């Protein structure tokens, strides 16, 4: 059973550019994505918002497979900065999971 981790939420929210809470779960991002990824951005962002760290960590490959083409972002009716949110998650992986520094 997955558990909510409020510390995880705080770690991700350290950047003001993470705006996944604005997601309306409409599915436009999924419909327009050229990659056809296994997990939808809206699902991934809900895992972050609810603090389900294990589910986010399970989707490392998807997070790094995103092309950051912004097709999803340009068509998002809620103006969610999907590519920037993915960059934030990549930064989290780089620093907290892989132990890489920003220098």
PDB file of N, CA and C in Angstrom:
ATOM      1  N   UNK A   1       0.844  -1.178   0.000  1.00  0.00           N
ATOM      2  CA  UNK A   1       0.000   0.000   0.000  1.00  0.00           C
ATOM      3  C   UNK A   1       0.892   1.244   0.000  1.00  0.00           C
ATOM      4  N   UNK A   2       0.577   2.168  -0.879  1.00  0.00           N
ATOM      5  CA  UNK A   2       1.339   3.412  -0.952  1.00  0.00           C
ATOM      6  C   UNK A   2       0.898   4.358   0.161  1.00  0.00           C
ATOM      7  N   UNK A   3       1.860   5.085   0.694  1.00  0.00           N
ATOM      8  CA  UNK A   3       1.570   6.031   1.772  1.00  0.00           C
ATOM      9  C   UNK A   3       1.941   7.442   1.348  1.00  0.00           C
ATOM     10  N   UNK A   4       1.163   8.383   1.808  1.00  0.00           N
ATOM     11  CA  UNK A   4       1.460   9.791   1.533  1.00  0.00           C
ATOM     12  C   UNK A   4       2.672  10.223   2.344  1.00  0.00           C
ATOM     13  N   UNK A   5       3.531  10.976   1.712  1.00  0.00           N
ATOM     14  CA  UNK A   5       4.762  11.434   2.339  1.00  0.00           C
ATOM     15  C   UNK A   5       4.817  12.956   2.210  1.00  0.00           C
ATOM     16  N   UNK A   6       4.461  13.663   3.257  1.00  0.00           N
ATOM     17  CA  UNK A   6       4.405  15.129   3.197  1.00  0.00           C
ATOM     18  C   UNK A   6       5.788  15.742   2.984  1.00  0.00           C
ATOM     19  N   UNK A   7       6.834  15.085   3.432  1.00  0.00           N
ATOM     20  CA  UNK A   7       8.190  15.597   3.197  1.00  0.00           C
ATOM     21  C   UNK A   7       8.525  15.577   1.714  1.00  0.00           C
ATOM     22  N   UNK A   8       8.064  14.546   1.029  1.00  0.00           N
ATOM     23  CA  UNK A   8       8.282  14.445  -0.419  1.00  0.00           C
ATOM     24  C   UNK A   8       7.602  15.606  -1.139  1.00  0.00           C
ATOM     25  N   UNK A   9       6.385  15.885  -0.763  1.00  0.00           N
ATOM     26  CA  UNK A   9       5.647  17.001  -1.368  1.00  0.00           C
ATOM     27  C   UNK A   9       6.437  18.293  -1.184  1.00  0.00           C
ATOM     28  N   UNK A  10       6.939  18.525   0.009  1.00  0.00           N
ATOM     29  CA  UNK A  10       7.710  19.738   0.289  1.00  0.00           C
ATOM     30  C   UNK A  10       9.001  19.797  -0.513  1.00  0.00           C
ATOM     31  N   UNK A  11       9.650  18.655  -0.709  1.00  0.00           N
ATOM     32  CA  UNK A  11      10.882  18.621  -1.499  1.00  0.00           C
ATOM     33  C   UNK A  11      10.608  19.015  -2.949  1.00  0.00           C
ATOM     34  N   UNK A  12       9.533  18.545  -3.499  1.00  0.00           N
ATOM     35  CA  UNK A  12       9.193  18.872  -4.889  1.00  0.00           C
ATOM     36  C   UNK A  12       8.742  20.320  -5.001  1.00  0.00           C
ATOM     37  N   UNK A  13       7.999  20.792  -4.034  1.00  0.00           N
ATOM     38  CA  UNK A  13       7.464  22.151  -4.087  1.00  0.00           C
ATOM     39  C   UNK A  13       8.511  23.229  -3.802  1.00  0.00           C
ATOM     40  N   UNK A  14       9.763  22.854  -3.627  1.00  0.00           N
ATOM     41  CA  UNK A  14      10.788  23.861  -3.359  1.00  0.00           C
ATOM     42  C   UNK A  14      10.949  24.819  -4.525  1.00  0.00           C
ATOM     43  N   UNK A  15      10.543  24.403  -5.684  1.00  0.00           N
ATOM     44  CA  UNK A  15      10.586  25.286  -6.837  1.00  0.00           C
ATOM     45  C   UNK A  15       9.186  25.857  -7.071  1.00  0.00           C
ATOM     46  N   UNK A  16       9.116  27.116  -7.320  1.00  0.00           N
ATOM     47  CA  UNK A  16       7.820  27.765  -7.526  1.00  0.00           C
ATOM     48  C   UNK A  16       7.227  27.460  -8.896  1.00  0.00           C
ATOM     49  N   UNK A  17       8.017  26.848  -9.767  1.00  0.00           N
ATOM     50  CA  UNK A  17       7.529  26.565 -11.109  1.00  0.00           C
ATOM     51  C   UNK A  17       6.700  25.281 -11.178  1.00  0.00           C
ATOM     52  N   UNK A  18       6.674  24.488 -10.118  1.00  0.00           N
ATOM     53  CA  UNK A  18       5.884  23.255 -10.124  1.00  0.00           C
ATOM     54  C   UNK A  18       4.425  23.607  -9.871  1.00  0.00           C
ATOM     55  N   UNK A  19       3.616  23.578 -10.925  1.00  0.00           N
ATOM     56  CA  UNK A  19       2.227  24.018 -10.801  1.00  0.00           C
ATOM     57  C   UNK A  19       1.222  22.925 -11.147  1.00  0.00           C
ATOM     58  N   UNK A  20       1.540  21.697 -10.841  1.00  0.00           N
ATOM     59  CA  UNK A  20       0.668  20.573 -11.198  1.00  0.00           C
ATOM     60  C   UNK A  20      -0.695  20.615 -10.526  1.00  0.00           C
ATOM     61  N   UNK A  21      -0.831  21.346  -9.442  1.00  0.00           N
ATOM     62  CA  UNK A  21      -2.128  21.422  -8.770  1.00  0.00           C
ATOM     63  C   UNK A  21      -3.189  22.045  -9.657  1.00  0.00           C
ATOM     64  N   UNK A  22      -2.778  22.774 -10.671  1.00  0.00           N
ATOM     65  CA  UNK A  22      -3.726  23.395 -11.592  1.00  0.00           C
ATOM     66  C   UNK A  22      -4.338  22.389 -12.568  1.00  0.00           C
ATOM     67  N   UNK A  23      -3.785  21.186 -12.641  1.00  0.00           N
ATOM     68  CA  UNK A  23      -4.259  20.162 -13.582  1.00  0.00           C
ATOM     69  C   UNK A  23      -5.725  19.821 -13.317  1.00  0.00           C
ATOM     70  N   UNK A  24      -6.514  19.818 -14.388  1.00  0.00           N
ATOM     71  CA  UNK A  24      -7.946  19.517 -14.307  1.00  0.00           C
ATOM     72  C   UNK A  24      -8.246  18.063 -14.663  1.00  0.00           C
ATOM     73  N   UNK A  25      -7.225  17.279 -14.972  1.00  0.00           N
ATOM     74  CA  UNK A  25      -7.383  15.879 -15.370  1.00  0.00           C
ATOM     75  C   UNK A  25      -8.237  15.709 -16.619  1.00  0.00           C
ATOM     76  N   UNK A  26      -8.093  16.601 -17.567  1.00  0.00           N
ATOM     77  CA  UNK A  26      -8.905  16.548 -18.783  1.00  0.00           C
ATOM     78  C   UNK A  26      -8.377  15.535 -19.794  1.00  0.00           C
ATOM     79  N   UNK A  27      -7.071  15.240 -19.777  1.00  0.00           N
ATOM     80  CA  UNK A  27      -6.498  14.246 -20.676  1.00  0.00           C
ATOM     81  C   UNK A  27      -5.956  14.782 -21.985  1.00  0.00           C
ATOM     82  N   UNK A  28      -6.011  16.083 -22.209  1.00  0.00           N
ATOM     83  CA  UNK A  28      -5.496  16.658 -23.452  1.00  0.00           C
ATOM     84  C   UNK A  28      -4.005  16.356 -23.604  1.00  0.00           C
ATOM     85  N   UNK A  29      -3.268  16.409 -22.508  1.00  0.00           N
ATOM     86  CA  UNK A  29      -1.821  16.154 -22.549  1.00  0.00           C
ATOM     87  C   UNK A  29      -1.537  14.747 -23.067  1.00  0.00           C
ATOM     88  N   UNK A  30      -2.341  13.809 -22.671  1.00  0.00           N
ATOM     89  CA  UNK A  30      -2.161  12.430 -23.092  1.00  0.00           C
ATOM     90  C   UNK A  30      -2.513  12.257 -24.566  1.00  0.00           C
ATOM     91  N   UNK A  31      -3.585  12.876 -24.973  1.00  0.00           N
ATOM     92  CA  UNK A  31      -4.047  12.737 -26.349  1.00  0.00           C
ATOM     93  C   UNK A  31      -3.058  13.317 -27.351  1.00  0.00           C
ATOM     94  N   UNK A  32      -2.333  14.342 -26.961  1.00  0.00           N
ATOM     95  CA  UNK A  32      -1.448  15.046 -27.887  1.00  0.00           C
ATOM     96  C   UNK A  32      -0.004  14.552 -27.829  1.00  0.00           C
ATOM     97  N   UNK A  33       0.353  13.767 -26.830  1.00  0.00           N
ATOM     98  CA  UNK A  33       1.742  13.338 -26.616  1.00  0.00           C
ATOM     99  C   UNK A  33       2.239  12.430 -27.745  1.00  0.00           C
ATOM    100  N   UNK A  34       3.351  12.790 -28.393  1.00  0.00           N
ATOM    101  CA  UNK A  34       3.883  11.954 -29.473  1.00  0.00           C
ATOM    102  C   UNK A  34       4.563  10.685 -28.965  1.00  0.00           C
ATOM    103  N   UNK A  35       4.847  10.601 -27.682  1.00  0.00           N
ATOM    104  CA  UNK A  35       5.561   9.455 -27.128  1.00  0.00           C
ATOM    105  C   UNK A  35       4.642   8.307 -26.713  1.00  0.00           C
ATOM    106  N   UNK A  36       3.405   8.594 -26.415  1.00  0.00           N
ATOM    107  CA  UNK A  36       2.488   7.555 -25.959  1.00  0.00           C
ATOM    108  C   UNK A  36       3.017   6.840 -24.719  1.00  0.00           C
ATOM    109  N   UNK A  37       3.422   7.609 -23.728  1.00  0.00           N
ATOM    110  CA  UNK A  37       4.037   7.066 -22.521  1.00  0.00           C
ATOM    111  C   UNK A  37       3.047   6.240 -21.705  1.00  0.00           C
ATOM    112  N   UNK A  38       3.584   5.314 -20.914  1.00  0.00           N
ATOM    113  CA  UNK A  38       2.747   4.419 -20.120  1.00  0.00           C
ATOM    114  C   UNK A  38       1.948   5.139 -19.047  1.00  0.00           C
ATOM    115  N   UNK A  39       2.531   6.150 -18.446  1.00  0.00           N
ATOM    116  CA  UNK A  39       1.839   6.891 -17.391  1.00  0.00           C
ATOM    117  C   UNK A  39       1.504   8.280 -17.911  1.00  0.00           C
ATOM    118  N   UNK A  40       0.346   8.737 -17.578  1.00  0.00           N
ATOM    119  CA  UNK A  40      -0.103  10.046 -18.021  1.00  0.00           C
ATOM    120  C   UNK A  40       0.480  11.130 -17.125  1.00  0.00           C
ATOM    121  N   UNK A  41       0.782  12.312 -17.678  1.00  0.00           N
ATOM    122  CA  UNK A  41       1.275  13.392 -16.822  1.00  0.00           C
ATOM    123  C   UNK A  41       0.351  13.663 -15.649  1.00  0.00           C
ATOM    124  N   UNK A  42      -0.938  13.624 -15.886  1.00  0.00           N
ATOM    125  CA  UNK A  42      -1.887  13.914 -14.807  1.00  0.00           C
ATOM    126  C   UNK A  42      -1.788  12.889 -13.691  1.00  0.00           C
ATOM    127  N   UNK A  43      -1.538  11.621 -14.019  1.00  0.00           N
ATOM    128  CA  UNK A  43      -1.361  10.600 -12.983  1.00  0.00           C
ATOM    129  C   UNK A  43      -0.071  10.853 -12.202  1.00  0.00           C
ATOM    130  N   UNK A  44       0.979  11.114 -12.928  1.00  0.00           N
ATOM    131  CA  UNK A  44       2.272  11.363 -12.303  1.00  0.00           C
ATOM    132  C   UNK A  44       2.201  12.559 -11.361  1.00  0.00           C
ATOM    133  N   UNK A  45       1.573  13.632 -11.800  1.00  0.00           N
ATOM    134  CA  UNK A  45       1.468  14.834 -10.974  1.00  0.00           C
ATOM    135  C   UNK A  45       0.588  14.588  -9.752  1.00  0.00           C
ATOM    136  N   UNK A  46      -0.444  13.771  -9.888  1.00  0.00           N
ATOM    137  CA  UNK A  46      -1.284  13.445  -8.727  1.00  0.00           C
ATOM    138  C   UNK A  46      -0.478  12.672  -7.693  1.00  0.00           C
ATOM    139  N   UNK A  47       0.401  11.796  -8.147  1.00  0.00           N
ATOM    140  CA  UNK A  47       1.270  11.079  -7.210  1.00  0.00           C
ATOM    141  C   UNK A  47       2.125  12.064  -6.420  1.00  0.00           C
ATOM    142  N   UNK A  48       2.639  13.076  -7.106  1.00  0.00           N
ATOM    143  CA  UNK A  48       3.468  14.080  -6.423  1.00  0.00           C
ATOM    144  C   UNK A  48       2.627  14.872  -5.438  1.00  0.00           C
ATOM    145  N   UNK A  49       1.503  15.382  -5.892  1.00  0.00           N
ATOM    146  CA  UNK A  49       0.648  16.234  -5.073  1.00  0.00           C
ATOM    147  C   UNK A  49       0.144  15.502  -3.830  1.00  0.00           C
ATOM    148  N   UNK A  50      -0.129  14.216  -3.976  1.00  0.00           N
ATOM    149  CA  UNK A  50      -0.611  13.446  -2.833  1.00  0.00           C
ATOM    150  C   UNK A  50       0.528  12.825  -2.029  1.00  0.00           C
ATOM    151  N   UNK A  51       1.755  13.025  -2.475  1.00  0.00           N
ATOM    152  CA  UNK A  51       2.920  12.565  -1.717  1.00  0.00           C
ATOM    153  C   UNK A  51       3.207  11.085  -1.826  1.00  0.00           C
ATOM    154  N   UNK A  52       2.816  10.469  -2.916  1.00  0.00           N
ATOM    155  CA  UNK A  52       3.061   9.039  -3.092  1.00  0.00           C
ATOM    156  C   UNK A  52       4.403   8.862  -3.818  1.00  0.00           C
ATOM    157  N   UNK A  53       5.445   9.011  -3.057  1.00  0.00           N
ATOM    158  CA  UNK A  53       6.821   9.008  -3.565  1.00  0.00           C
ATOM    159  C   UNK A  53       7.163   7.707  -4.302  1.00  0.00           C
ATOM    160  N   UNK A  54       6.735   6.568  -3.764  1.00  0.00           N
ATOM    161  CA  UNK A  54       7.056   5.283  -4.380  1.00  0.00           C
ATOM    162  C   UNK A  54       6.595   5.217  -5.832  1.00  0.00           C
ATOM    163  N   UNK A  55       5.400   5.724  -6.089  1.00  0.00           N
ATOM    164  CA  UNK A  55       4.855   5.700  -7.456  1.00  0.00           C
ATOM    165  C   UNK A  55       5.654   6.623  -8.378  1.00  0.00           C
ATOM    166  N   UNK A  56       6.103   7.742  -7.861  1.00  0.00           N
ATOM    167  CA  UNK A  56       6.919   8.644  -8.668  1.00  0.00           C
ATOM    168  C   UNK A  56       8.242   7.967  -8.991  1.00  0.00           C
ATOM    169  N   UNK A  57       8.868   7.366  -7.996  1.00  0.00           N
ATOM    170  CA  UNK A  57      10.152   6.690  -8.200  1.00  0.00           C
ATOM    171  C   UNK A  57      10.021   5.525  -9.172  1.00  0.00           C
ATOM    172  N   UNK A  58       8.906   4.848  -9.165  1.00  0.00           N
ATOM    173  CA  UNK A  58       8.666   3.744 -10.101  1.00  0.00           C
ATOM    174  C   UNK A  58       8.623   4.218 -11.550  1.00  0.00           C
ATOM    175  N   UNK A  59       8.355   5.489 -11.756  1.00  0.00           N
ATOM    176  CA  UNK A  59       8.179   6.028 -13.107  1.00  0.00           C
ATOM    177  C   UNK A  59       9.374   6.846 -13.589  1.00  0.00           C
ATOM    178  N   UNK A  60      10.545   6.520 -13.079  1.00  0.00           N
ATOM    179  CA  UNK A  60      11.776   7.208 -13.480  1.00  0.00           C
ATOM    180  C   UNK A  60      11.968   7.171 -15.001  1.00  0.00           C
ATOM    181  N   UNK A  61      11.781   6.018 -15.605  1.00  0.00           N
ATOM    182  CA  UNK A  61      11.995   5.891 -17.048  1.00  0.00           C
ATOM    183  C   UNK A  61      11.066   6.818 -17.831  1.00  0.00           C
ATOM    184  N   UNK A  62       9.827   6.896 -17.421  1.00  0.00           N
ATOM    185  CA  UNK A  62       8.872   7.777 -18.097  1.00  0.00           C
ATOM    186  C   UNK A  62       9.272   9.236 -17.939  1.00  0.00           C
ATOM    187  N   UNK A  63       9.691   9.605 -16.753  1.00  0.00           N
ATOM    188  CA  UNK A  63      10.086  10.991 -16.494  1.00  0.00           C
ATOM    189  C   UNK A  63      11.249  11.398 -17.390  1.00  0.00           C
ATOM    190  N   UNK A  64      12.181  10.487 -17.591  1.00  0.00           N
ATOM    191  CA  UNK A  64      13.330  10.801 -18.426  1.00  0.00           C
ATOM    192  C   UNK A  64      13.096  10.506 -19.911  1.00  0.00           C
ATOM    193  N   UNK A  65      11.978   9.894 -20.257  1.00  0.00           N
ATOM    194  CA  UNK A  65      11.650   9.629 -21.657  1.00  0.00           C
ATOM    195  C   UNK A  65      10.923  10.797 -22.318  1.00  0.00           C
ATOM    196  N   UNK A  66      10.342  11.663 -21.519  1.00  0.00           N
ATOM    197  CA  UNK A  66       9.609  12.814 -22.053  1.00  0.00           C
ATOM    198  C   UNK A  66      10.531  13.643 -22.937  1.00  0.00           C
ATOM    199  N   UNK A  67      10.048  14.031 -24.098  1.00  0.00           N
ATOM    200  CA  UNK A  67      10.831  14.829 -25.044  1.00  0.00           C
ATOM    201  C   UNK A  67      10.909  16.307 -24.679  1.00  0.00           C
ATOM    202  N   UNK A  68      10.097  16.740 -23.736  1.00  0.00           N
ATOM    203  CA  UNK A  68       9.992  18.150 -23.364  1.00  0.00           C
ATOM    204  C   UNK A  68       9.653  19.025 -24.578  1.00  0.00           C
ATOM    205  N   UNK A  69       8.853  18.460 -25.472  1.00  0.00           N
ATOM    206  CA  UNK A  69       8.481  19.171 -26.703  1.00  0.00           C
ATOM    207  C   UNK A  69       7.432  20.248 -26.461  1.00  0.00           C
ATOM    208  N   UNK A  70       6.762  20.182 -25.333  1.00  0.00           N
ATOM    209  CA  UNK A  70       5.741  21.139 -24.893  1.00  0.00           C
ATOM    210  C   UNK A  70       4.441  21.097 -25.702  1.00  0.00           C
ATOM    211  N   UNK A  71       4.241  20.067 -26.507  1.00  0.00           N
ATOM    212  CA  UNK A  71       2.959  19.959 -27.211  1.00  0.00           C
ATOM    213  C   UNK A  71       1.815  19.878 -26.210  1.00  0.00           C
ATOM    214  N   UNK A  72       2.030  19.124 -25.148  1.00  0.00           N
ATOM    215  CA  UNK A  72       1.011  18.986 -24.112  1.00  0.00           C
ATOM    216  C   UNK A  72       0.750  20.328 -23.439  1.00  0.00           C
ATOM    217  N   UNK A  73       1.826  21.016 -23.161  1.00  0.00           N
ATOM    218  CA  UNK A  73       1.745  22.298 -22.457  1.00  0.00           C
ATOM    219  C   UNK A  73       1.019  23.351 -23.287  1.00  0.00           C
ATOM    220  N   UNK A  74       1.304  23.390 -24.574  1.00  0.00           N
ATOM    221  CA  UNK A  74       0.672  24.379 -25.448  1.00  0.00           C
ATOM    222  C   UNK A  74      -0.822  24.154 -25.612  1.00  0.00           C
ATOM    223  N   UNK A  75      -1.260  22.930 -25.381  1.00  0.00           N
ATOM    224  CA  UNK A  75      -2.676  22.606 -25.536  1.00  0.00           C
ATOM    225  C   UNK A  75      -3.413  22.445 -24.219  1.00  0.00           C
ATOM    226  N   UNK A  76      -2.744  22.669 -23.113  1.00  0.00           N
ATOM    227  CA  UNK A  76      -3.350  22.490 -21.797  1.00  0.00           C
ATOM    228  C   UNK A  76      -4.308  23.641 -21.482  1.00  0.00           C
ATOM    229  N   UNK A  77      -5.592  23.348 -21.265  1.00  0.00           N
ATOM    230  CA  UNK A  77      -6.556  24.405 -20.962  1.00  0.00           C
ATOM    231  C   UNK A  77      -6.352  25.040 -19.583  1.00  0.00           C
ATOM    232  N   UNK A  78      -5.616  24.357 -18.703  1.00  0.00           N
ATOM    233  CA  UNK A  78      -5.373  24.893 -17.357  1.00  0.00           C
ATOM    234  C   UNK A  78      -4.021  25.583 -17.254  1.00  0.00           C
ATOM    235  N   UNK A  79      -3.302  25.650 -18.368  1.00  0.00           N
ATOM    236  CA  UNK A  79      -1.994  26.302 -18.422  1.00  0.00           C
ATOM    237  C   UNK A  79      -0.980  25.685 -17.451  1.00  0.00           C
ATOM    238  N   UNK A  80      -1.066  24.357 -17.296  1.00  0.00           N
ATOM    239  CA  UNK A  80      -0.099  23.653 -16.463  1.00  0.00           C
ATOM    240  C   UNK A  80       1.224  23.622 -17.224  1.00  0.00           C
ATOM    241  N   UNK A  81       2.283  23.955 -16.567  1.00  0.00           N
ATOM    242  CA  UNK A  81       3.620  23.966 -17.173  1.00  0.00           C
ATOM    243  C   UNK A  81       4.198  22.552 -17.081  1.00  0.00           C
ATOM    244  N   UNK A  82       3.682  21.690 -17.920  1.00  0.00           N
ATOM    245  CA  UNK A  82       4.003  20.265 -17.856  1.00  0.00           C
ATOM    246  C   UNK A  82       5.490  20.006 -18.049  1.00  0.00           C
ATOM    247  N   UNK A  83       6.087  20.603 -19.049  1.00  0.00           N
ATOM    248  CA  UNK A  83       7.522  20.393 -19.307  1.00  0.00           C
ATOM    249  C   UNK A  83       8.360  20.871 -18.122  1.00  0.00           C
ATOM    250  N   UNK A  84       7.994  21.995 -17.546  1.00  0.00           N
ATOM    251  CA  UNK A  84       8.732  22.506 -16.387  1.00  0.00           C
ATOM    252  C   UNK A  84       8.537  21.594 -15.176  1.00  0.00           C
ATOM    253  N   UNK A  85       7.350  21.053 -15.031  1.00  0.00           N
ATOM    254  CA  UNK A  85       7.099  20.103 -13.946  1.00  0.00           C
ATOM    255  C   UNK A  85       7.963  18.850 -14.122  1.00  0.00           C
ATOM    256  N   UNK A  86       8.080  18.381 -15.358  1.00  0.00           N
ATOM    257  CA  UNK A  86       8.926  17.213 -15.639  1.00  0.00           C
ATOM    258  C   UNK A  86      10.392  17.559 -15.347  1.00  0.00           C
ATOM    259  N   UNK A  87      10.820  18.760 -15.719  1.00  0.00           N
ATOM    260  CA  UNK A  87      12.193  19.189 -15.399  1.00  0.00           C
ATOM    261  C   UNK A  87      12.424  19.200 -13.882  1.00  0.00           C
ATOM    262  N   UNK A  88      11.429  19.651 -13.149  1.00  0.00           N
ATOM    263  CA  UNK A  88      11.524  19.666 -11.687  1.00  0.00           C
ATOM    264  C   UNK A  88      11.699  18.246 -11.155  1.00  0.00           C
ATOM    265  N   UNK A  89      10.924  17.310 -11.686  1.00  0.00           N
ATOM    266  CA  UNK A  89      11.040  15.924 -11.248  1.00  0.00           C
ATOM    267  C   UNK A  89      12.401  15.339 -11.637  1.00  0.00           C
ATOM    268  N   UNK A  90      12.887  15.695 -12.801  1.00  0.00           N
ATOM    269  CA  UNK A  90      14.223  15.237 -13.210  1.00  0.00           C
ATOM    270  C   UNK A  90      15.288  15.790 -12.262  1.00  0.00           C
ATOM    271  N   UNK A  91      15.128  17.034 -11.878  1.00  0.00           N
ATOM    272  CA  UNK A  91      16.058  17.637 -10.920  1.00  0.00           C
ATOM    273  C   UNK A  91      16.020  16.915  -9.586  1.00  0.00           C
ATOM    274  N   UNK A  92      14.831  16.553  -9.159  1.00  0.00           N
ATOM    275  CA  UNK A  92      14.691  15.793  -7.915  1.00  0.00           C
ATOM    276  C   UNK A  92      15.461  14.477  -8.019  1.00  0.00           C
ATOM    277  N   UNK A  93      15.253  13.755  -9.103  1.00  0.00           N
ATOM    278  CA  UNK A  93      15.962  12.492  -9.298  1.00  0.00           C
ATOM    279  C   UNK A  93      17.476  12.718  -9.304  1.00  0.00           C
ATOM    280  N   UNK A  94      17.913  13.723 -10.032  1.00  0.00           N
ATOM    281  CA  UNK A  94      19.349  13.988 -10.133  1.00  0.00           C
ATOM    282  C   UNK A  94      19.974  14.259  -8.773  1.00  0.00           C
ATOM    283  N   UNK A  95      19.319  15.073  -7.969  1.00  0.00           N
ATOM    284  CA  UNK A  95      19.877  15.460  -6.672  1.00  0.00           C
ATOM    285  C   UNK A  95      19.619  14.424  -5.580  1.00  0.00           C
ATOM    286  N   UNK A  96      18.372  14.021  -5.417  1.00  0.00           N
ATOM    287  CA  UNK A  96      17.997  13.201  -4.273  1.00  0.00           C
ATOM    288  C   UNK A  96      18.161  11.696  -4.505  1.00  0.00           C
ATOM    289  N   UNK A  97      17.984  11.254  -5.729  1.00  0.00           N
ATOM    290  CA  UNK A  97      18.060   9.826  -5.996  1.00  0.00           C
ATOM    291  C   UNK A  97      19.464   9.430  -6.480  1.00  0.00           C
ATOM    292  N   UNK A  98      19.993  10.222  -7.433  1.00  0.00           N
ATOM    293  CA  UNK A  98      21.299   9.902  -8.002  1.00  0.00           C
ATOM    294  C   UNK A  98      22.451  10.571  -7.260  1.00  0.00           C
ATOM    295  N   UNK A  99      22.126  11.533  -6.391  1.00  0.00           N
ATOM    296  CA  UNK A  99      23.161  12.204  -5.588  1.00  0.00           C
ATOM    297  C   UNK A  99      24.053  13.154  -6.358  1.00  0.00           C
ATOM    298  N   UNK A 100      23.565  13.691  -7.475  1.00  0.00           N
ATOM    299  CA  UNK A 100      24.345  14.634  -8.261  1.00  0.00           C
ATOM    300  C   UNK A 100      24.136  16.051  -7.734  1.00  0.00           C
ATOM    301  N   UNK A 101      25.159  16.856  -7.809  1.00  0.00           N
ATOM    302  CA  UNK A 101      25.031  18.242  -7.334  1.00  0.00           C
ATOM    303  C   UNK A 101      24.739  19.150  -8.523  1.00  0.00           C
ATOM    304  N   UNK A 102      24.304  20.349  -8.229  1.00  0.00           N
ATOM    305  CA  UNK A 102      23.958  21.318  -9.273  1.00  0.00           C
ATOM    306  C   UNK A 102      25.183  22.045  -9.812  1.00  0.00           C
ATOM    307  N   UNK A 103      26.341  21.819  -9.263  1.00  0.00           N
ATOM    308  CA  UNK A 103      27.554  22.540  -9.691  1.00  0.00           C
ATOM    309  C   UNK A 103      28.078  22.030 -10.975  1.00  0.00           C
TER     310      UNK A 103
END
